[in-house]
Protein backbone atom coordinates (compact mmCIF):
# COMPACT_ATOMS: atom_id res chain seq x y z
CA MET A 1 139.97 37.31 46.71
CA ILE A 2 138.90 40.88 45.96
CA TYR A 3 135.56 42.27 47.10
CA VAL A 4 133.58 45.49 46.79
CA MET A 5 130.70 46.90 48.82
CA SER A 6 129.17 50.33 49.23
CA ASP A 7 126.76 52.48 51.24
CA ILE A 8 127.14 50.74 54.59
CA HIS A 9 125.64 53.81 56.30
CA GLY A 10 126.47 53.03 59.90
CA GLN A 11 125.25 49.42 59.78
CA TYR A 12 128.16 47.97 61.76
CA ASP A 13 126.44 44.69 62.59
CA LYS A 14 125.62 44.02 58.93
CA PHE A 15 129.16 44.96 57.95
CA MET A 16 130.71 42.52 60.42
CA ALA A 17 128.23 39.80 59.43
CA MET A 18 129.25 40.30 55.79
CA LEU A 19 132.95 39.96 56.61
CA GLU A 20 132.13 36.70 58.36
CA LEU A 21 129.96 35.49 55.47
CA ILE A 22 132.71 35.99 52.89
CA ASN A 23 135.32 34.65 55.30
CA PHE A 24 137.36 37.83 54.83
CA ASN A 25 140.99 37.31 55.79
CA ASP A 26 144.40 38.94 55.58
CA GLU A 27 144.99 37.62 52.06
CA ASP A 28 141.82 39.28 50.70
CA ARG A 29 141.20 42.86 49.66
CA LEU A 30 138.04 44.90 50.13
CA TYR A 31 137.09 48.15 48.40
CA ILE A 32 134.32 50.19 50.02
CA LEU A 33 132.81 52.70 47.59
CA GLY A 34 131.88 55.41 50.05
CA ASP A 35 128.99 56.37 52.31
CA VAL A 36 130.17 54.51 55.36
CA VAL A 37 128.66 57.23 57.54
CA ASP A 38 125.16 58.53 58.37
CA ARG A 39 121.67 57.08 58.81
CA GLY A 40 122.76 54.07 60.90
CA PRO A 41 123.97 54.05 64.53
CA HIS A 42 127.66 53.10 64.24
CA SER A 43 129.31 55.08 61.44
CA ILE A 44 132.43 56.03 63.40
CA LYS A 45 132.84 52.48 64.67
CA ILE A 46 133.02 51.29 61.05
CA LEU A 47 135.45 54.07 60.10
CA LYS A 48 137.76 53.09 62.94
CA TYR A 49 137.65 49.46 61.87
CA ILE A 50 138.62 50.45 58.32
CA MET A 51 141.39 52.70 59.61
CA LYS A 52 142.80 49.82 61.64
CA ASN A 53 142.75 47.51 58.61
CA GLN A 54 143.97 49.78 55.82
CA TYR A 55 146.47 47.15 54.69
CA ASN A 56 143.64 45.28 52.95
CA ILE A 57 140.57 47.52 53.18
CA LYS A 58 140.42 50.56 50.87
CA MET A 59 137.66 53.13 51.28
CA LEU A 60 136.69 55.70 48.64
CA MET A 61 134.90 59.00 49.26
CA GLY A 62 131.11 59.15 49.13
CA ASN A 63 128.86 62.18 49.27
CA HIS A 64 127.89 61.54 52.91
CA ASP A 65 131.53 61.14 53.92
CA ASP A 66 132.24 64.40 52.10
CA TRP A 67 129.37 66.11 53.95
CA MET A 68 130.94 65.09 57.24
CA CYS A 69 134.28 66.61 56.19
CA GLU A 70 132.55 69.77 55.00
CA TYR A 71 130.64 70.19 58.25
CA TYR A 72 133.73 69.97 60.43
CA SER A 73 135.94 72.01 58.11
CA LEU A 74 133.44 74.86 58.30
CA ASP A 75 132.86 74.35 62.02
CA ASN A 76 129.19 74.81 61.22
CA LYS A 77 127.09 74.86 64.39
CA ASN A 78 123.77 75.64 62.70
CA LEU A 79 122.51 72.11 63.36
CA ASN A 80 118.94 72.64 62.21
CA ASN A 81 119.72 74.02 58.77
CA HIS A 82 122.77 72.08 57.66
CA GLN A 83 121.82 69.61 54.93
CA TRP A 84 124.06 66.92 56.35
CA PHE A 85 121.93 66.70 59.48
CA THR A 86 118.68 66.35 57.57
CA GLN A 87 120.11 63.42 55.58
CA GLY A 88 121.13 61.21 58.49
CA GLY A 89 124.25 63.08 59.56
CA TYR A 90 123.00 63.82 63.04
CA LYS A 91 123.54 60.18 64.06
CA THR A 92 127.16 60.41 62.91
CA TYR A 93 127.56 63.73 64.71
CA GLU A 94 126.28 62.30 68.00
CA GLU A 95 128.64 59.33 67.80
CA PHE A 96 131.61 61.41 66.69
CA GLU A 97 131.22 63.84 69.58
CA THR A 98 131.79 61.03 72.09
CA TYR A 99 135.47 60.89 71.03
CA ASP A 100 138.25 63.10 72.37
CA LYS A 101 139.91 65.76 70.25
CA SER A 102 142.99 63.73 69.26
CA GLU A 103 140.86 60.84 68.04
CA LYS A 104 138.59 63.21 66.10
CA VAL A 105 141.63 64.68 64.34
CA LYS A 106 142.78 61.20 63.25
CA ILE A 107 139.33 60.25 61.96
CA LEU A 108 138.82 63.50 60.06
CA TYR A 109 142.28 63.29 58.52
CA PHE A 110 141.51 59.78 57.30
CA VAL A 111 138.18 60.75 55.72
CA ASN A 112 139.50 63.98 54.22
CA THR A 113 142.31 62.14 52.44
CA LEU A 114 140.15 59.45 50.81
CA GLU A 115 140.49 58.95 47.06
CA PHE A 116 137.48 59.42 44.77
CA SER A 117 138.06 56.50 42.41
CA LYS A 118 140.13 53.42 41.77
CA LYS A 119 141.06 51.32 38.74
CA ILE A 120 141.93 47.67 39.30
CA GLU A 121 142.56 44.71 36.99
CA ILE A 122 141.60 41.12 37.82
CA ASN A 123 141.66 38.10 35.52
CA ASN A 124 141.97 40.34 32.41
CA ASN A 125 138.94 42.39 33.50
CA ILE A 126 139.29 46.09 34.27
CA PHE A 127 137.12 47.58 37.01
CA TYR A 128 136.60 51.29 37.56
CA LEU A 129 135.33 51.96 41.07
CA SER A 130 133.73 55.13 42.42
CA HIS A 131 130.86 56.09 44.65
CA ALA A 132 128.47 57.44 42.03
CA GLY A 133 129.94 57.01 38.55
CA PHE A 134 132.32 58.32 35.89
CA GLN A 135 132.28 60.86 33.08
CA LEU A 136 132.90 58.87 29.91
CA ASN A 137 134.31 59.75 26.50
CA LYS A 138 133.05 58.57 23.09
CA ASP A 139 135.09 55.36 23.48
CA GLY A 140 133.19 54.47 26.64
CA LEU A 141 136.20 55.10 28.89
CA PRO A 142 136.68 57.68 31.66
CA PHE A 143 137.94 61.14 30.87
CA GLU A 144 141.51 61.51 32.03
CA LYS A 145 140.46 64.18 34.54
CA GLN A 146 137.25 63.49 36.46
CA ASN A 147 135.04 66.02 38.20
CA ARG A 148 135.11 65.18 41.93
CA ASP A 149 131.45 66.08 42.44
CA PHE A 150 130.40 63.86 39.55
CA GLN A 151 132.17 60.92 41.14
CA ILE A 152 130.26 61.29 44.41
CA TRP A 153 126.94 62.77 43.26
CA ALA A 154 126.12 61.54 39.73
CA ARG A 155 122.84 59.76 39.14
CA ARG A 156 120.95 59.64 35.83
CA GLU A 157 123.68 61.51 33.96
CA PHE A 158 125.85 58.43 34.52
CA HIS A 159 123.14 55.74 34.67
CA THR A 160 121.82 56.60 31.22
CA ASP A 161 125.12 57.62 29.57
CA THR A 162 125.01 55.97 26.13
CA ASN A 163 128.81 56.14 25.74
CA THR A 164 128.98 52.82 27.59
CA SER A 165 127.79 51.16 24.37
CA ASN A 166 131.39 51.70 23.20
CA THR A 167 133.00 50.40 26.39
CA PRO A 168 135.44 47.52 25.78
CA LYS A 169 133.87 44.21 26.81
CA ASN A 170 136.35 43.57 29.60
CA VAL A 171 135.70 46.93 31.31
CA TYR A 172 133.15 47.41 34.10
CA TYR A 173 131.99 50.40 36.13
CA ILE A 174 131.05 49.62 39.73
CA PHE A 175 129.21 52.20 41.79
CA GLY A 176 126.89 52.74 44.75
CA HIS A 177 125.09 55.94 45.77
CA THR A 178 121.78 55.21 44.03
CA PRO A 179 119.81 52.33 45.55
CA VAL A 180 119.43 49.57 42.96
CA VAL A 181 115.63 49.78 43.03
CA ASN A 182 115.94 53.29 41.57
CA LEU A 183 118.26 52.39 38.69
CA PRO A 184 117.00 52.45 35.08
CA TYR A 185 115.23 49.38 33.71
CA ASN A 186 115.03 47.69 37.13
CA TYR A 187 111.44 46.59 36.80
CA THR A 188 111.57 43.87 39.48
CA LYS A 189 112.57 46.37 42.20
CA GLU A 190 114.55 43.70 44.01
CA TRP A 191 117.32 44.55 46.45
CA LYS A 192 119.92 42.76 44.32
CA ILE A 193 123.10 43.92 42.62
CA ARG A 194 122.19 45.42 39.26
CA HIS A 195 124.20 44.56 36.12
CA TYR A 196 123.47 46.51 32.95
CA ASN A 197 125.47 48.06 30.08
CA GLN A 198 128.74 47.08 31.81
CA LYS A 199 127.68 49.07 34.85
CA ILE A 200 127.24 47.35 38.19
CA GLY A 201 125.21 49.07 40.90
CA ILE A 202 125.83 47.64 44.36
CA ASP A 203 123.87 49.89 46.75
CA CYS A 204 121.21 47.43 47.88
CA GLY A 205 119.67 49.66 50.53
CA ALA A 206 121.34 48.55 53.77
CA ALA A 207 120.05 51.73 55.41
CA TYR A 208 116.55 51.57 53.86
CA GLY A 209 115.31 48.15 54.92
CA GLY A 210 117.12 46.48 52.03
CA LYS A 211 120.37 44.51 52.15
CA LEU A 212 124.08 45.05 52.45
CA ALA A 213 125.56 43.63 49.26
CA CYS A 214 129.08 42.49 48.45
CA LEU A 215 130.49 41.51 45.05
CA ARG A 216 133.52 39.28 44.59
CA LEU A 217 135.37 40.53 41.52
CA ASP A 218 137.34 37.35 40.88
CA ASP A 219 134.20 35.48 39.78
CA PHE A 220 131.30 38.01 40.14
CA LYS A 221 129.75 36.05 43.01
CA GLU A 222 127.22 38.06 45.03
CA PHE A 223 126.69 38.02 48.80
CA TYR A 224 123.89 39.58 50.85
CA ILE A 225 123.14 40.30 54.50
């Protein structure tokens, strides 16, 4: 079985509970659409788990993961002014600094080399995965060359893109980044996976008092912790 989740944000206990709930095993595959780090207490612990299980867990870059890379690439010690720290990065920083230099190098290499998107095909359905969204052409399909910042930062410019009206019926765009309660036309404000216009938002607010969500792509079954 093939699963996707996003925006775990340091919630290690929820992450492990989800793996148990879906009975995740060596025959399954899991795609994590970024923002593993920040806000919660155990971001690095989750990263190390993913690193250990790369044979069937694939992580994509999110904006918070990118912030972490940016901070350490710049060796920025202005803790009070760096935007990463004001958006939950300080918890990641505190945890990261408990590791020795060689382990830090391995972790940073892993995060810095993450891909920004993935295309997979299951049961004649095509799924485009990214943290925040895709730039689409008039046929409702992604431009051949995507802007990296769009893929990790996009919000309304993707959510309300009318080009998806031309998207082939077997194509879906799965993204996180924006909590589902803030997506267009979500009048119920429930912490549930949001399906609309062949877009599927899966950030159900694990770090905001909501839920960690997981979607099984084989049959679109939803799981929540």
